[in-house]
Amino acid sequence: MRPPYLLLDIDGVLIPFPDEHGSTPATHARHDVVPTGRSADNPVTVWLNPDHGPMLMDVIRTGLVTPVWCTSWRQDATTLIGPLLDLPTLPYVDLPRPQITTSHPNGYLWKRDHVEAWLGDAPTVWIDDDFTTLDHAWAAERNAKGTTTLLIQPDPHLGLQPEHLTEVMTWASQLPTARAA
């Protein structure tokens, strides 16, 4: 049986949003990247914590989860962001490019319907900074139906922290499939 998916967002998780003073955490280094559809003379500046790569690799190497990008960066997650963190090529959920003005057009995270269709009844831990109470209710409903689901929501100004990955490992190691392995 496949380990549960670890769905990983980028903006607000690996790339923190600036605080009210326009600052990002001192732990993060600046990188200029050129996403698909942009020209090299118009790069996007991102701030990444070099410690995130080794921390994520420690989780990946356990085999307790199957990592998948779940981000509006789509394939650029694996070609632009992953290499900056020394991560291997990871699959990604091929999210659409919706014409929306809020990330919660229906009161919940816009990605959720697409993720739900992609996941089916697979167990998952999903790290994203933008969940609403409706997303947490969705996760509780999946759990009630026997589809183990955990949502982890970092502070978007701090991003992913070691304790988030500790929570992933604790959760994954307690699943029946982990104990049987």
C-alpha atoms as a PDB file:
ATOM      1  CA  MET A   1       0.000   0.000   0.000  1.00  0.00           C
ATOM      2  CA  ARG A   2       1.291   3.463  -0.922  1.00  0.00           C
ATOM      3  CA  PRO A   3       2.189   5.774   1.938  1.00  0.00           C
ATOM      4  CA  PRO A   4      -0.102   8.763   2.424  1.00  0.00           C
ATOM      5  CA  TYR A   5       0.508  11.801   0.288  1.00  0.00           C
ATOM      6  CA  LEU A   6       2.335  14.786   1.676  1.00  0.00           C
ATOM      7  CA  LEU A   7       0.845  17.690  -0.280  1.00  0.00           C
ATOM      8  CA  LEU A   8       3.167  20.660  -0.113  1.00  0.00           C
ATOM      9  CA  ASP A   9       2.334  24.261  -0.953  1.00  0.00           C
ATOM     10  CA  ILE A  10       5.031  26.845  -1.669  1.00  0.00           C
ATOM     11  CA  ASP A  11       3.766  30.419  -1.179  1.00  0.00           C
ATOM     12  CA  GLY A  12       3.318  31.055   2.536  1.00  0.00           C
ATOM     13  CA  VAL A  13       4.924  27.676   3.332  1.00  0.00           C
ATOM     14  CA  LEU A  14       8.379  27.618   1.723  1.00  0.00           C
ATOM     15  CA  ILE A  15       8.265  31.232   0.536  1.00  0.00           C
ATOM     16  CA  PRO A  16       6.978  33.349   3.430  1.00  0.00           C
ATOM     17  CA  PHE A  17       4.955  36.465   2.777  1.00  0.00           C
ATOM     18  CA  PRO A  18       6.574  39.708   3.949  1.00  0.00           C
ATOM     19  CA  ASP A  19       5.358  40.992   7.308  1.00  0.00           C
ATOM     20  CA  GLU A  20       3.755  44.411   7.829  1.00  0.00           C
ATOM     21  CA  HIS A  21       7.221  45.992   7.562  1.00  0.00           C
ATOM     22  CA  GLY A  22       8.012  44.224   4.268  1.00  0.00           C
ATOM     23  CA  SER A  23      10.500  41.864   5.926  1.00  0.00           C
ATOM     24  CA  THR A  24      10.946  38.129   5.488  1.00  0.00           C
ATOM     25  CA  PRO A  25      12.596  35.859   8.065  1.00  0.00           C
ATOM     26  CA  ALA A  26      16.376  36.283   8.348  1.00  0.00           C
ATOM     27  CA  THR A  27      16.696  32.527   7.769  1.00  0.00           C
ATOM     28  CA  HIS A  28      15.649  32.903   4.127  1.00  0.00           C
ATOM     29  CA  ALA A  29      17.933  33.663   1.176  1.00  0.00           C
ATOM     30  CA  ARG A  30      16.966  35.621  -1.920  1.00  0.00           C
ATOM     31  CA  HIS A  31      16.688  33.909  -5.322  1.00  0.00           C
ATOM     32  CA  ASP A  32      15.485  35.232  -8.663  1.00  0.00           C
ATOM     33  CA  VAL A  33      13.605  32.663 -10.742  1.00  0.00           C
ATOM     34  CA  VAL A  34      11.907  32.763 -14.119  1.00  0.00           C
ATOM     35  CA  PRO A  35       8.573  30.918 -13.990  1.00  0.00           C
ATOM     36  CA  THR A  36       6.972  29.464 -17.098  1.00  0.00           C
ATOM     37  CA  GLY A  37       5.545  32.222 -19.244  1.00  0.00           C
ATOM     38  CA  ARG A  38       7.871  34.944 -17.972  1.00  0.00           C
ATOM     39  CA  SER A  39      10.904  36.343 -19.736  1.00  0.00           C
ATOM     40  CA  ALA A  40      14.393  36.201 -18.255  1.00  0.00           C
ATOM     41  CA  ASP A  41      14.421  39.993 -17.982  1.00  0.00           C
ATOM     42  CA  ASN A  42      11.388  39.833 -15.670  1.00  0.00           C
ATOM     43  CA  PRO A  43      12.260  37.286 -12.945  1.00  0.00           C
ATOM     44  CA  VAL A  44      10.350  36.684  -9.722  1.00  0.00           C
ATOM     45  CA  THR A  45      12.211  37.155  -6.451  1.00  0.00           C
ATOM     46  CA  VAL A  46      11.618  34.407  -3.894  1.00  0.00           C
ATOM     47  CA  TRP A  47      12.996  33.927  -0.392  1.00  0.00           C
ATOM     48  CA  LEU A  48      13.817  30.347   0.617  1.00  0.00           C
ATOM     49  CA  ASN A  49      15.210  28.838   3.787  1.00  0.00           C
ATOM     50  CA  PRO A  50      18.155  26.563   2.841  1.00  0.00           C
ATOM     51  CA  ASP A  51      17.342  24.391   5.889  1.00  0.00           C
ATOM     52  CA  HIS A  52      13.997  23.390   4.363  1.00  0.00           C
ATOM     53  CA  GLY A  53      15.605  21.095   1.794  1.00  0.00           C
ATOM     54  CA  PRO A  54      17.432  18.890   4.325  1.00  0.00           C
ATOM     55  CA  MET A  55      14.416  18.934   6.667  1.00  0.00           C
ATOM     56  CA  LEU A  56      12.104  17.792   3.869  1.00  0.00           C
ATOM     57  CA  MET A  57      14.614  15.186   2.689  1.00  0.00           C
ATOM     58  CA  ASP A  58      14.709  13.718   6.208  1.00  0.00           C
ATOM     59  CA  VAL A  59      10.934  13.247   5.970  1.00  0.00           C
ATOM     60  CA  ILE A  60      11.039  11.915   2.399  1.00  0.00           C
ATOM     61  CA  ARG A  61      13.773   9.378   3.180  1.00  0.00           C
ATOM     62  CA  THR A  62      11.631   7.714   5.849  1.00  0.00           C
ATOM     63  CA  GLY A  63       9.261   6.484   3.154  1.00  0.00           C
ATOM     64  CA  LEU A  64       6.324   7.225   5.453  1.00  0.00           C
ATOM     65  CA  VAL A  65       4.849   9.771   3.008  1.00  0.00           C
ATOM     66  CA  THR A  66       4.744  10.324  -0.743  1.00  0.00           C
ATOM     67  CA  PRO A  67       5.636  13.985  -1.366  1.00  0.00           C
ATOM     68  CA  VAL A  68       3.708  15.906  -4.031  1.00  0.00           C
ATOM     69  CA  TRP A  69       3.750  19.614  -4.845  1.00  0.00           C
ATOM     70  CA  CYS A  70       0.308  21.182  -4.428  1.00  0.00           C
ATOM     71  CA  THR A  71       0.856  24.762  -5.462  1.00  0.00           C
ATOM     72  CA  SER A  72      -0.001  27.388  -8.030  1.00  0.00           C
ATOM     73  CA  TRP A  73       3.668  27.056  -9.062  1.00  0.00           C
ATOM     74  CA  ARG A  74       2.593  23.767 -10.722  1.00  0.00           C
ATOM     75  CA  GLN A  75       5.499  22.204 -12.693  1.00  0.00           C
ATOM     76  CA  ASP A  76       7.731  25.163 -11.803  1.00  0.00           C
ATOM     77  CA  ALA A  77       7.761  23.807  -8.253  1.00  0.00           C
ATOM     78  CA  THR A  78       9.841  20.860  -9.377  1.00  0.00           C
ATOM     79  CA  THR A  79      11.981  22.715 -11.940  1.00  0.00           C
ATOM     80  CA  LEU A  80      12.607  26.008 -10.114  1.00  0.00           C
ATOM     81  CA  ILE A  81      11.913  25.765  -6.379  1.00  0.00           C
ATOM     82  CA  GLY A  82      12.881  22.142  -5.675  1.00  0.00           C
ATOM     83  CA  PRO A  83      16.410  22.458  -7.124  1.00  0.00           C
ATOM     84  CA  LEU A  84      17.102  25.550  -5.012  1.00  0.00           C
ATOM     85  CA  LEU A  85      16.435  23.379  -1.959  1.00  0.00           C
ATOM     86  CA  ASP A  86      18.279  20.325  -3.343  1.00  0.00           C
ATOM     87  CA  LEU A  87      15.044  18.360  -3.509  1.00  0.00           C
ATOM     88  CA  PRO A  88      14.557  15.551  -6.016  1.00  0.00           C
ATOM     89  CA  THR A  89      12.050  15.856  -8.823  1.00  0.00           C
ATOM     90  CA  LEU A  90       8.634  15.513  -7.221  1.00  0.00           C
ATOM     91  CA  PRO A  91       5.271  15.035  -8.898  1.00  0.00           C
ATOM     92  CA  TYR A  92       2.746  17.844  -8.681  1.00  0.00           C
ATOM     93  CA  VAL A  93      -1.000  18.231  -8.656  1.00  0.00           C
ATOM     94  CA  ASP A  94      -1.738  19.873 -12.001  1.00  0.00           C
ATOM     95  CA  LEU A  95      -3.945  22.650 -10.688  1.00  0.00           C
ATOM     96  CA  PRO A  96      -5.853  24.861 -13.129  1.00  0.00           C
ATOM     97  CA  ARG A  97      -5.335  28.605 -13.422  1.00  0.00           C
ATOM     98  CA  PRO A  98      -8.714  29.821 -12.214  1.00  0.00           C
ATOM     99  CA  GLN A  99      -9.916  33.341 -12.874  1.00  0.00           C
ATOM    100  CA  ILE A 100     -10.506  34.277  -9.242  1.00  0.00           C
ATOM    101  CA  THR A 101      -9.879  37.365  -7.137  1.00  0.00           C
ATOM    102  CA  THR A 102      -9.745  35.552  -3.799  1.00  0.00           C
ATOM    103  CA  SER A 103      -8.204  32.257  -2.767  1.00  0.00           C
ATOM    104  CA  HIS A 104     -11.539  31.327  -1.132  1.00  0.00           C
ATOM    105  CA  PRO A 105     -14.184  31.899  -3.855  1.00  0.00           C
ATOM    106  CA  ASN A 106     -16.563  29.388  -2.243  1.00  0.00           C
ATOM    107  CA  GLY A 107     -15.507  30.023   1.344  1.00  0.00           C
ATOM    108  CA  TYR A 108     -12.743  27.422   1.214  1.00  0.00           C
ATOM    109  CA  LEU A 109      -9.344  27.115  -0.446  1.00  0.00           C
ATOM    110  CA  TRP A 110      -9.725  27.172  -4.236  1.00  0.00           C
ATOM    111  CA  LYS A 111      -7.402  24.157  -4.617  1.00  0.00           C
ATOM    112  CA  ARG A 112      -9.539  21.869  -2.509  1.00  0.00           C
ATOM    113  CA  ASP A 113     -12.002  20.607  -5.142  1.00  0.00           C
ATOM    114  CA  HIS A 114      -9.119  19.767  -7.491  1.00  0.00           C
ATOM    115  CA  VAL A 115      -7.147  18.113  -4.699  1.00  0.00           C
ATOM    116  CA  GLU A 116     -10.163  16.096  -3.622  1.00  0.00           C
ATOM    117  CA  ALA A 117     -10.657  14.774  -7.170  1.00  0.00           C
ATOM    118  CA  TRP A 118      -6.928  14.024  -7.469  1.00  0.00           C
ATOM    119  CA  LEU A 119      -6.717  12.275  -4.074  1.00  0.00           C
ATOM    120  CA  GLY A 120      -9.835  10.167  -4.288  1.00  0.00           C
ATOM    121  CA  ASP A 121      -9.843   8.191  -1.050  1.00  0.00           C
ATOM    122  CA  ALA A 122      -6.075   8.311  -0.516  1.00  0.00           C
ATOM    123  CA  PRO A 123      -4.876   9.409   2.922  1.00  0.00           C
ATOM    124  CA  THR A 124      -3.040  12.710   3.003  1.00  0.00           C
ATOM    125  CA  VAL A 125      -1.312  15.306   5.075  1.00  0.00           C
ATOM    126  CA  TRP A 126      -1.583  18.690   3.391  1.00  0.00           C
ATOM    127  CA  ILE A 127       0.609  21.644   4.337  1.00  0.00           C
ATOM    128  CA  ASP A 128      -0.805  24.980   3.181  1.00  0.00           C
ATOM    129  CA  ASP A 129      -1.022  28.381   4.813  1.00  0.00           C
ATOM    130  CA  ASP A 130      -4.460  29.274   3.430  1.00  0.00           C
ATOM    131  CA  PHE A 131      -7.045  26.880   4.870  1.00  0.00           C
ATOM    132  CA  THR A 132     -10.390  28.104   6.180  1.00  0.00           C
ATOM    133  CA  THR A 133     -12.700  26.543   8.746  1.00  0.00           C
ATOM    134  CA  LEU A 134     -14.522  24.885   5.829  1.00  0.00           C
ATOM    135  CA  ASP A 135     -11.280  23.162   4.800  1.00  0.00           C
ATOM    136  CA  HIS A 136     -10.788  21.885   8.343  1.00  0.00           C
ATOM    137  CA  ALA A 137     -14.408  20.633   8.334  1.00  0.00           C
ATOM    138  CA  TRP A 138     -13.658  18.847   5.007  1.00  0.00           C
ATOM    139  CA  ALA A 139     -10.639  17.132   6.602  1.00  0.00           C
ATOM    140  CA  ALA A 140     -12.732  16.113   9.634  1.00  0.00           C
ATOM    141  CA  GLU A 141     -15.379  14.680   7.301  1.00  0.00           C
ATOM    142  CA  ARG A 142     -12.752  12.668   5.400  1.00  0.00           C
ATOM    143  CA  ASN A 143     -11.425  11.344   8.713  1.00  0.00           C
ATOM    144  CA  ALA A 144     -14.955  10.425   9.834  1.00  0.00           C
ATOM    145  CA  LYS A 145     -15.377   8.434   6.606  1.00  0.00           C
ATOM    146  CA  GLY A 146     -12.122   6.548   7.244  1.00  0.00           C
ATOM    147  CA  THR A 147      -9.842   8.544   4.927  1.00  0.00           C
ATOM    148  CA  THR A 148      -7.068   9.755   7.182  1.00  0.00           C
ATOM    149  CA  THR A 149      -6.474  13.454   6.526  1.00  0.00           C
ATOM    150  CA  LEU A 150      -4.368  16.011   8.366  1.00  0.00           C
ATOM    151  CA  LEU A 151      -4.136  19.709   7.528  1.00  0.00           C
ATOM    152  CA  ILE A 152      -1.115  21.674   8.737  1.00  0.00           C
ATOM    153  CA  GLN A 153      -1.304  25.436   8.449  1.00  0.00           C
ATOM    154  CA  PRO A 154       1.915  27.409   8.936  1.00  0.00           C
ATOM    155  CA  ASP A 155       1.902  31.126   9.667  1.00  0.00           C
ATOM    156  CA  PRO A 156       2.334  32.618   6.163  1.00  0.00           C
ATOM    157  CA  HIS A 157       4.871  35.165   7.444  1.00  0.00           C
ATOM    158  CA  LEU A 158       7.073  32.474   9.015  1.00  0.00           C
ATOM    159  CA  GLY A 159       6.444  29.522   6.727  1.00  0.00           C
ATOM    160  CA  LEU A 160       7.343  25.910   7.375  1.00  0.00           C
ATOM    161  CA  GLN A 161       8.826  25.212  10.805  1.00  0.00           C
ATOM    162  CA  PRO A 162      10.537  22.069  12.139  1.00  0.00           C
ATOM    163  CA  GLU A 163       7.555  21.324  14.377  1.00  0.00           C
ATOM    164  CA  HIS A 164       5.312  21.056  11.303  1.00  0.00           C
ATOM    165  CA  LEU A 165       7.456  18.248   9.936  1.00  0.00           C
ATOM    166  CA  THR A 166       7.598  16.618  13.360  1.00  0.00           C
ATOM    167  CA  GLU A 167       3.796  16.633  13.282  1.00  0.00           C
ATOM    168  CA  VAL A 168       3.866  15.022   9.806  1.00  0.00           C
ATOM    169  CA  MET A 169       6.198  12.275  11.023  1.00  0.00           C
ATOM    170  CA  THR A 170       4.256  11.613  14.207  1.00  0.00           C
ATOM    171  CA  TRP A 171       0.991  11.438  12.252  1.00  0.00           C
ATOM    172  CA  ALA A 172       2.413   9.214   9.488  1.00  0.00           C
ATOM    173  CA  SER A 173       4.173   6.841  11.881  1.00  0.00           C
ATOM    174  CA  GLN A 174       0.914   6.176  13.722  1.00  0.00           C
ATOM    175  CA  LEU A 175      -1.025   5.118  10.623  1.00  0.00           C
ATOM    176  CA  PRO A 176      -1.788   1.402  10.305  1.00  0.00           C
ATOM    177  CA  THR A 177       0.208   1.182   7.054  1.00  0.00           C
ATOM    178  CA  ALA A 178       3.277   2.654   8.811  1.00  0.00           C
ATOM    179  CA  ARG A 179       3.107   0.148  11.651  1.00  0.00           C
ATOM    180  CA  ALA A 180       2.746  -2.744   9.191  1.00  0.00           C
ATOM    181  CA  ALA A 181       5.820  -1.644   7.199  1.00  0.00           C
END
